[in-house]
Amino acid sequence: MKMTPADRRWAAAVKERDGWSCRVCHLYFPPGWTGDLHAHHIFTRGRGWTRTDPENGVSLCMEHHDWAHAHPMGFQGWIEQELGSDAYIALRRRSLYVERPA
């Protein structure tokens, strides 16, 4: 899937919200640094309602981004704990079009 300008704005918003740090290991990447800080979708960007919703993203260093893709169940368990069950479930519902976004 091609990165759009909206995707790039989403990624920048996620990284800024997370203080330019990996949410798992807290490794810091100064703004503008071309290092490996990635904005990772919690629920796939193919789900339209939440594709560009910053709540559907988390900043991860390259190591933890690789981990999230290699161990999707482990990532989902971690992010549910990180967000809290209620917020996780609400985000999941929005991503599945069960609830209309506000």
N, C-alpha and C. Protein backbone atom coordinates (compact mmCIF):
# COMPACT_ATOMS: atom_id res chain seq x y z
N MET A 1 0.85 -1.17 0.00
CA MET A 1 0.00 0.00 0.00
C MET A 1 0.90 1.24 0.00
N LYS A 2 0.60 2.17 -0.88
CA LYS A 2 1.41 3.37 -1.04
C LYS A 2 1.18 4.35 0.12
N MET A 3 2.29 4.99 0.54
CA MET A 3 2.21 6.04 1.57
C MET A 3 1.68 7.32 0.95
N THR A 4 0.64 7.86 1.52
CA THR A 4 0.05 9.10 1.05
C THR A 4 0.53 10.25 1.93
N PRO A 5 0.29 11.50 1.52
CA PRO A 5 0.60 12.62 2.41
C PRO A 5 -0.11 12.50 3.76
N ALA A 6 -1.34 11.99 3.75
CA ALA A 6 -2.08 11.80 5.01
C ALA A 6 -1.37 10.77 5.89
N ASP A 7 -0.82 9.72 5.28
CA ASP A 7 -0.07 8.71 6.05
C ASP A 7 1.17 9.34 6.69
N ARG A 8 1.85 10.20 5.95
CA ARG A 8 3.05 10.85 6.49
C ARG A 8 2.70 11.80 7.63
N ARG A 9 1.58 12.52 7.50
CA ARG A 9 1.14 13.39 8.60
C ARG A 9 0.77 12.55 9.82
N TRP A 10 0.12 11.42 9.59
CA TRP A 10 -0.25 10.51 10.68
C TRP A 10 1.01 10.03 11.41
N ALA A 11 2.00 9.59 10.65
CA ALA A 11 3.24 9.08 11.25
C ALA A 11 3.92 10.17 12.09
N ALA A 12 3.98 11.38 11.57
CA ALA A 12 4.60 12.48 12.32
C ALA A 12 3.82 12.78 13.59
N ALA A 13 2.48 12.74 13.52
CA ALA A 13 1.65 13.01 14.70
C ALA A 13 1.86 11.94 15.77
N VAL A 14 1.96 10.68 15.36
CA VAL A 14 2.18 9.57 16.31
C VAL A 14 3.53 9.73 16.99
N LYS A 15 4.57 10.00 16.21
CA LYS A 15 5.91 10.15 16.78
C LYS A 15 5.99 11.35 17.72
N GLU A 16 5.37 12.44 17.33
CA GLU A 16 5.37 13.63 18.20
C GLU A 16 4.63 13.36 19.50
N ARG A 17 3.45 12.72 19.40
CA ARG A 17 2.68 12.39 20.60
C ARG A 17 3.49 11.50 21.55
N ASP A 18 4.27 10.58 21.00
CA ASP A 18 5.06 9.66 21.81
C ASP A 18 6.42 10.22 22.20
N GLY A 19 6.60 11.52 21.97
CA GLY A 19 7.84 12.17 22.40
C GLY A 19 9.06 11.69 21.64
N TRP A 20 8.86 11.25 20.39
CA TRP A 20 9.96 10.80 19.54
C TRP A 20 10.74 9.65 20.17
N SER A 21 10.00 8.78 20.90
CA SER A 21 10.60 7.65 21.59
C SER A 21 9.83 6.37 21.30
N CYS A 22 10.54 5.25 21.32
CA CYS A 22 9.91 3.94 21.21
C CYS A 22 9.07 3.72 22.46
N ARG A 23 7.82 3.31 22.29
CA ARG A 23 6.93 3.10 23.43
C ARG A 23 7.29 1.85 24.22
N VAL A 24 8.09 0.97 23.65
CA VAL A 24 8.48 -0.25 24.36
C VAL A 24 9.76 -0.02 25.17
N CYS A 25 10.83 0.40 24.52
CA CYS A 25 12.13 0.52 25.20
C CYS A 25 12.50 1.97 25.55
N HIS A 26 11.69 2.93 25.09
CA HIS A 26 11.86 4.35 25.39
C HIS A 26 13.12 4.96 24.77
N LEU A 27 13.70 4.30 23.77
CA LEU A 27 14.83 4.86 23.05
C LEU A 27 14.37 6.13 22.35
N TYR A 28 15.12 7.22 22.51
CA TYR A 28 14.75 8.53 21.99
C TYR A 28 15.40 8.79 20.63
N PHE A 29 14.62 9.34 19.71
CA PHE A 29 15.08 9.73 18.37
C PHE A 29 14.75 11.21 18.21
N PRO A 30 15.74 12.10 18.21
CA PRO A 30 15.44 13.54 18.09
C PRO A 30 14.63 13.84 16.84
N PRO A 31 13.68 14.78 16.92
CA PRO A 31 12.90 15.15 15.73
C PRO A 31 13.83 15.52 14.57
N GLY A 32 13.49 15.05 13.40
CA GLY A 32 14.32 15.30 12.23
C GLY A 32 15.40 14.26 12.00
N TRP A 33 15.68 13.45 13.02
CA TRP A 33 16.67 12.38 12.90
C TRP A 33 16.18 11.37 11.88
N THR A 34 17.05 10.91 11.04
CA THR A 34 16.65 9.95 10.01
C THR A 34 16.81 8.52 10.49
N GLY A 35 16.90 8.31 11.79
CA GLY A 35 17.07 6.98 12.35
C GLY A 35 15.81 6.15 12.24
N ASP A 36 15.81 5.04 12.92
CA ASP A 36 14.77 4.04 12.74
C ASP A 36 13.66 4.11 13.79
N LEU A 37 12.95 5.22 13.86
CA LEU A 37 11.74 5.29 14.66
C LEU A 37 10.57 5.18 13.69
N HIS A 38 9.71 4.21 13.92
CA HIS A 38 8.61 3.93 13.01
C HIS A 38 7.28 4.18 13.71
N ALA A 39 6.31 4.68 12.97
CA ALA A 39 4.94 4.76 13.45
C ALA A 39 4.25 3.48 12.96
N HIS A 40 3.81 2.67 13.90
CA HIS A 40 3.22 1.36 13.59
C HIS A 40 1.73 1.40 13.86
N HIS A 41 0.94 0.94 12.90
CA HIS A 41 -0.51 0.86 13.10
C HIS A 41 -0.83 -0.27 14.08
N ILE A 42 -1.66 0.03 15.04
CA ILE A 42 -2.13 -0.98 15.99
C ILE A 42 -3.05 -1.95 15.25
N PHE A 43 -4.03 -1.38 14.55
CA PHE A 43 -4.89 -2.16 13.66
C PHE A 43 -4.56 -1.73 12.23
N THR A 44 -4.43 -2.67 11.35
CA THR A 44 -3.94 -2.44 10.00
C THR A 44 -4.48 -1.16 9.35
N ARG A 45 -3.63 -0.53 8.57
CA ARG A 45 -4.04 0.72 7.92
C ARG A 45 -5.06 0.47 6.82
N GLY A 46 -5.32 -0.78 6.50
CA GLY A 46 -6.37 -1.11 5.55
C GLY A 46 -7.77 -0.87 6.09
N ARG A 47 -7.87 -0.68 7.39
CA ARG A 47 -9.17 -0.38 8.01
C ARG A 47 -9.38 1.13 7.95
N GLY A 48 -10.27 1.54 7.09
CA GLY A 48 -10.43 2.95 6.75
C GLY A 48 -10.69 3.95 7.86
N TRP A 49 -11.57 3.64 8.82
CA TRP A 49 -11.91 4.63 9.84
C TRP A 49 -10.71 5.04 10.67
N THR A 50 -9.78 4.13 10.88
CA THR A 50 -8.67 4.43 11.80
C THR A 50 -7.31 4.53 11.11
N ARG A 51 -7.30 4.51 9.79
CA ARG A 51 -6.02 4.56 9.07
C ARG A 51 -5.18 5.77 9.48
N THR A 52 -5.78 6.93 9.58
CA THR A 52 -5.03 8.14 9.91
C THR A 52 -5.37 8.69 11.29
N ASP A 53 -5.92 7.84 12.13
CA ASP A 53 -6.24 8.21 13.51
C ASP A 53 -4.98 7.99 14.36
N PRO A 54 -4.39 9.04 14.93
CA PRO A 54 -3.18 8.85 15.74
C PRO A 54 -3.36 7.88 16.90
N GLU A 55 -4.59 7.71 17.38
CA GLU A 55 -4.82 6.73 18.45
C GLU A 55 -4.56 5.31 17.96
N ASN A 56 -4.57 5.10 16.65
CA ASN A 56 -4.31 3.79 16.07
C ASN A 56 -2.83 3.63 15.70
N GLY A 57 -1.98 4.34 16.38
CA GLY A 57 -0.56 4.23 16.10
C GLY A 57 0.28 4.22 17.36
N VAL A 58 1.46 3.68 17.22
CA VAL A 58 2.41 3.63 18.32
C VAL A 58 3.81 3.76 17.70
N SER A 59 4.68 4.52 18.35
CA SER A 59 6.05 4.69 17.88
C SER A 59 6.90 3.53 18.37
N LEU A 60 7.63 2.91 17.44
CA LEU A 60 8.48 1.77 17.77
C LEU A 60 9.83 1.93 17.08
N CYS A 61 10.90 1.57 17.81
CA CYS A 61 12.22 1.50 17.19
C CYS A 61 12.20 0.33 16.21
N MET A 62 13.21 0.24 15.37
CA MET A 62 13.27 -0.82 14.36
C MET A 62 13.17 -2.21 15.00
N GLU A 63 13.89 -2.41 16.10
CA GLU A 63 13.85 -3.72 16.77
C GLU A 63 12.45 -4.10 17.21
N HIS A 64 11.74 -3.14 17.84
CA HIS A 64 10.40 -3.45 18.33
C HIS A 64 9.36 -3.44 17.21
N HIS A 65 9.61 -2.72 16.14
CA HIS A 65 8.72 -2.78 14.97
C HIS A 65 8.82 -4.18 14.35
N ASP A 66 10.05 -4.68 14.22
CA ASP A 66 10.23 -6.05 13.72
C ASP A 66 9.54 -7.05 14.64
N TRP A 67 9.67 -6.86 15.95
CA TRP A 67 9.01 -7.74 16.93
C TRP A 67 7.50 -7.72 16.74
N ALA A 68 6.91 -6.53 16.56
CA ALA A 68 5.46 -6.40 16.41
C ALA A 68 4.97 -7.20 15.20
N HIS A 69 5.73 -7.17 14.11
CA HIS A 69 5.33 -7.93 12.92
C HIS A 69 5.60 -9.43 13.08
N ALA A 70 6.67 -9.79 13.75
CA ALA A 70 7.02 -11.20 13.91
C ALA A 70 6.14 -11.90 14.95
N HIS A 71 5.62 -11.11 15.91
CA HIS A 71 4.83 -11.69 17.01
C HIS A 71 3.55 -10.87 17.20
N PRO A 72 2.63 -10.93 16.23
CA PRO A 72 1.43 -10.09 16.30
C PRO A 72 0.58 -10.32 17.54
N MET A 73 0.48 -11.55 18.01
CA MET A 73 -0.31 -11.81 19.22
C MET A 73 0.36 -11.20 20.45
N GLY A 74 1.68 -11.32 20.53
CA GLY A 74 2.40 -10.70 21.63
C GLY A 74 2.27 -9.19 21.60
N PHE A 75 2.35 -8.60 20.40
CA PHE A 75 2.18 -7.15 20.26
C PHE A 75 0.79 -6.74 20.70
N GLN A 76 -0.23 -7.46 20.25
CA GLN A 76 -1.61 -7.10 20.60
C GLN A 76 -1.82 -7.19 22.12
N GLY A 77 -1.25 -8.20 22.76
CA GLY A 77 -1.35 -8.29 24.22
C GLY A 77 -0.65 -7.13 24.90
N TRP A 78 0.53 -6.77 24.40
CA TRP A 78 1.27 -5.65 24.99
C TRP A 78 0.51 -4.35 24.81
N ILE A 79 0.00 -4.09 23.59
CA ILE A 79 -0.66 -2.81 23.34
C ILE A 79 -1.97 -2.72 24.10
N GLU A 80 -2.67 -3.83 24.28
CA GLU A 80 -3.90 -3.79 25.09
C GLU A 80 -3.57 -3.40 26.53
N GLN A 81 -2.49 -3.92 27.05
CA GLN A 81 -2.04 -3.56 28.40
C GLN A 81 -1.59 -2.10 28.44
N GLU A 82 -0.88 -1.66 27.40
CA GLU A 82 -0.36 -0.29 27.32
C GLU A 82 -1.50 0.73 27.27
N LEU A 83 -2.53 0.45 26.47
CA LEU A 83 -3.65 1.38 26.30
C LEU A 83 -4.71 1.24 27.39
N GLY A 84 -4.81 0.04 27.95
CA GLY A 84 -5.92 -0.29 28.84
C GLY A 84 -6.99 -0.99 28.02
N SER A 85 -7.65 -1.97 28.61
CA SER A 85 -8.61 -2.79 27.87
C SER A 85 -9.74 -1.98 27.25
N ASP A 86 -10.30 -1.02 28.00
CA ASP A 86 -11.42 -0.24 27.47
C ASP A 86 -11.02 0.55 26.23
N ALA A 87 -9.88 1.23 26.28
CA ALA A 87 -9.42 2.02 25.14
C ALA A 87 -9.07 1.11 23.96
N TYR A 88 -8.47 -0.04 24.23
CA TYR A 88 -8.12 -0.98 23.19
C TYR A 88 -9.37 -1.49 22.48
N ILE A 89 -10.37 -1.88 23.26
CA ILE A 89 -11.62 -2.39 22.67
C ILE A 89 -12.34 -1.31 21.87
N ALA A 90 -12.37 -0.09 22.38
CA ALA A 90 -13.01 1.01 21.66
C ALA A 90 -12.30 1.27 20.33
N LEU A 91 -10.97 1.27 20.34
CA LEU A 91 -10.20 1.47 19.12
C LEU A 91 -10.46 0.33 18.14
N ARG A 92 -10.48 -0.88 18.63
CA ARG A 92 -10.75 -2.04 17.76
C ARG A 92 -12.11 -1.91 17.11
N ARG A 93 -13.12 -1.53 17.89
CA ARG A 93 -14.47 -1.36 17.34
C ARG A 93 -14.49 -0.28 16.26
N ARG A 94 -13.82 0.83 16.53
CA ARG A 94 -13.76 1.89 15.51
C ARG A 94 -13.09 1.38 14.24
N SER A 95 -12.04 0.58 14.41
CA SER A 95 -11.31 0.09 13.24
C SER A 95 -12.15 -0.89 12.42
N LEU A 96 -13.10 -1.54 13.06
CA LEU A 96 -13.95 -2.50 12.37
C LEU A 96 -15.26 -1.90 11.90
N TYR A 97 -15.40 -0.59 12.01
CA TYR A 97 -16.60 0.14 11.59
C TYR A 97 -17.82 -0.17 12.46
N VAL A 98 -17.60 -0.70 13.66
CA VAL A 98 -18.72 -1.00 14.55
C VAL A 98 -19.27 0.30 15.14
N GLU A 99 -18.39 1.23 15.43
CA GLU A 99 -18.80 2.53 15.95
C GLU A 99 -18.40 3.59 14.94
N ARG A 100 -19.25 4.58 14.79
CA ARG A 100 -18.87 5.70 13.93
C ARG A 100 -17.89 6.57 14.67
N PRO A 101 -16.82 7.00 14.01
CA PRO A 101 -15.87 7.89 14.69
C PRO A 101 -16.52 9.21 15.05
N ALA A 102 -16.04 9.80 16.14
CA ALA A 102 -16.62 11.08 16.59
C ALA A 102 -16.26 12.20 15.66
